[in-house]
């Protein structure tokens, strides 16, 4: 039997498993795990997935950051960015002065 960590790595490395998992309903997750010889229960697997995603940036956050960046860069499309503007984004974040 595979641990949840081992099975997660196998899923990460296997497109066919990723595709199969996408089509598994919550009710069928336990059967999916047994089919692939994973010792975790459906609840344990879901908790493991939640733990893996803690601290990850959500898609909506990425889209928001991209929009903010584009809005910031648009006025500077032609010419150079001022030293003040460079300082505002240096280090990966906005600095309110």
Protein backbone atom coordinates (compact mmCIF):
# COMPACT_ATOMS: atom_id res chain seq x y z
CA UNK A 1 0.00 0.00 0.00
CA UNK A 2 1.12 3.54 -0.78
CA UNK A 3 1.18 6.35 1.74
CA UNK A 4 -0.72 9.50 0.90
CA UNK A 5 2.61 11.25 0.24
CA UNK A 6 3.73 8.53 -2.17
CA UNK A 7 0.42 8.55 -4.01
CA UNK A 8 0.40 12.35 -4.20
CA UNK A 9 3.85 12.25 -5.84
CA UNK A 10 2.63 9.57 -8.25
CA UNK A 11 -0.35 11.74 -9.19
CA UNK A 12 1.94 14.76 -9.63
CA UNK A 13 4.14 12.76 -12.01
CA UNK A 14 1.37 11.04 -14.01
CA UNK A 15 -0.93 12.93 -16.38
CA UNK A 16 -3.30 9.95 -16.70
CA UNK A 17 -3.81 9.87 -12.92
CA UNK A 18 -4.37 13.64 -12.86
CA UNK A 19 -7.03 13.31 -15.54
CA UNK A 20 -8.66 10.40 -13.75
CA UNK A 21 -8.71 12.28 -10.44
CA UNK A 22 -10.39 15.28 -12.08
CA UNK A 23 -13.36 13.05 -12.88
CA UNK A 24 -13.67 11.50 -9.41
CA UNK A 25 -16.60 12.73 -7.34
CA UNK A 26 -16.29 13.24 -3.60
CA UNK A 27 -18.39 10.11 -3.06
CA UNK A 28 -16.04 8.02 -5.24
CA UNK A 29 -12.74 9.31 -3.79
CA UNK A 30 -12.40 6.41 -1.35
CA UNK A 31 -12.84 3.86 -4.14
CA UNK A 32 -10.32 5.77 -6.30
CA UNK A 33 -7.74 5.62 -3.50
CA UNK A 34 -8.32 1.89 -2.93
CA UNK A 35 -8.12 1.19 -6.67
CA UNK A 36 -4.67 2.78 -6.72
CA UNK A 37 -3.59 1.06 -3.48
CA UNK A 38 -3.38 4.20 -1.36
CA UNK A 39 -3.79 3.52 2.35
CA UNK A 40 -5.33 6.94 3.11
CA UNK A 41 -9.04 7.45 3.62
CA UNK A 42 -10.85 10.02 1.51
CA UNK A 43 -10.86 12.40 4.50
CA UNK A 44 -7.11 11.96 5.05
CA UNK A 45 -6.42 12.54 1.36
CA UNK A 46 -8.49 15.75 1.32
CA UNK A 47 -6.73 17.02 4.47
CA UNK A 48 -3.36 16.23 2.91
CA UNK A 49 -4.29 18.18 -0.23
CA UNK A 50 -5.43 21.14 1.88
CA UNK A 51 -2.11 21.08 3.77
CA UNK A 52 -0.21 21.03 0.47
CA UNK A 53 -2.02 24.13 -0.75
CA UNK A 54 -1.62 26.19 2.45
CA UNK A 55 0.20 29.37 1.66
CA UNK A 56 -0.22 28.89 -2.08
CA UNK A 57 -1.39 31.86 -4.08
CA UNK A 58 -4.92 31.50 -5.37
CA UNK A 59 -5.62 32.00 -9.09
CA UNK A 60 -7.78 35.03 -8.30
CA UNK A 61 -4.87 36.61 -6.38
CA UNK A 62 -2.49 36.01 -9.28
CA UNK A 63 -4.97 37.56 -11.71
CA UNK A 64 -5.38 40.58 -9.42
CA UNK A 65 -1.62 41.05 -9.11
CA UNK A 66 -1.20 40.76 -12.87
CA UNK A 67 -3.91 43.39 -13.45
CA UNK A 68 -2.28 45.75 -10.93
CA UNK A 69 1.07 45.29 -12.62
CA UNK A 70 -0.38 45.95 -16.08
CA UNK A 71 -2.20 49.04 -14.79
CA UNK A 72 1.07 50.27 -13.28
CA UNK A 73 3.12 49.65 -16.42
CA UNK A 74 0.62 51.05 -18.95
CA UNK A 75 1.37 54.74 -18.24
CA UNK A 76 5.08 53.95 -18.61
CA UNK A 77 4.75 52.04 -21.84
CA UNK A 78 6.77 54.65 -23.69
CA UNK A 79 9.90 55.95 -21.99
CA UNK A 80 11.56 55.05 -18.76
CA UNK A 81 10.08 54.26 -15.38
CA UNK A 82 11.02 56.82 -12.76
CA UNK A 83 13.34 55.90 -9.90
CA UNK A 84 10.44 56.49 -7.51
CA UNK A 85 8.24 54.01 -9.40
CA UNK A 86 11.05 51.44 -9.52
CA UNK A 87 11.46 51.82 -5.78
CA UNK A 88 7.74 51.30 -5.30
CA UNK A 89 7.88 47.82 -6.81
CA UNK A 90 11.41 46.76 -5.85
CA UNK A 91 11.39 43.68 -3.69
CA UNK A 92 8.20 42.30 -5.16
CA UNK A 93 5.64 44.49 -3.45
CA UNK A 94 3.99 47.88 -3.41
CA UNK A 95 5.30 50.46 -0.99
CA UNK A 96 2.90 53.21 0.02
CA UNK A 97 4.74 56.45 0.66
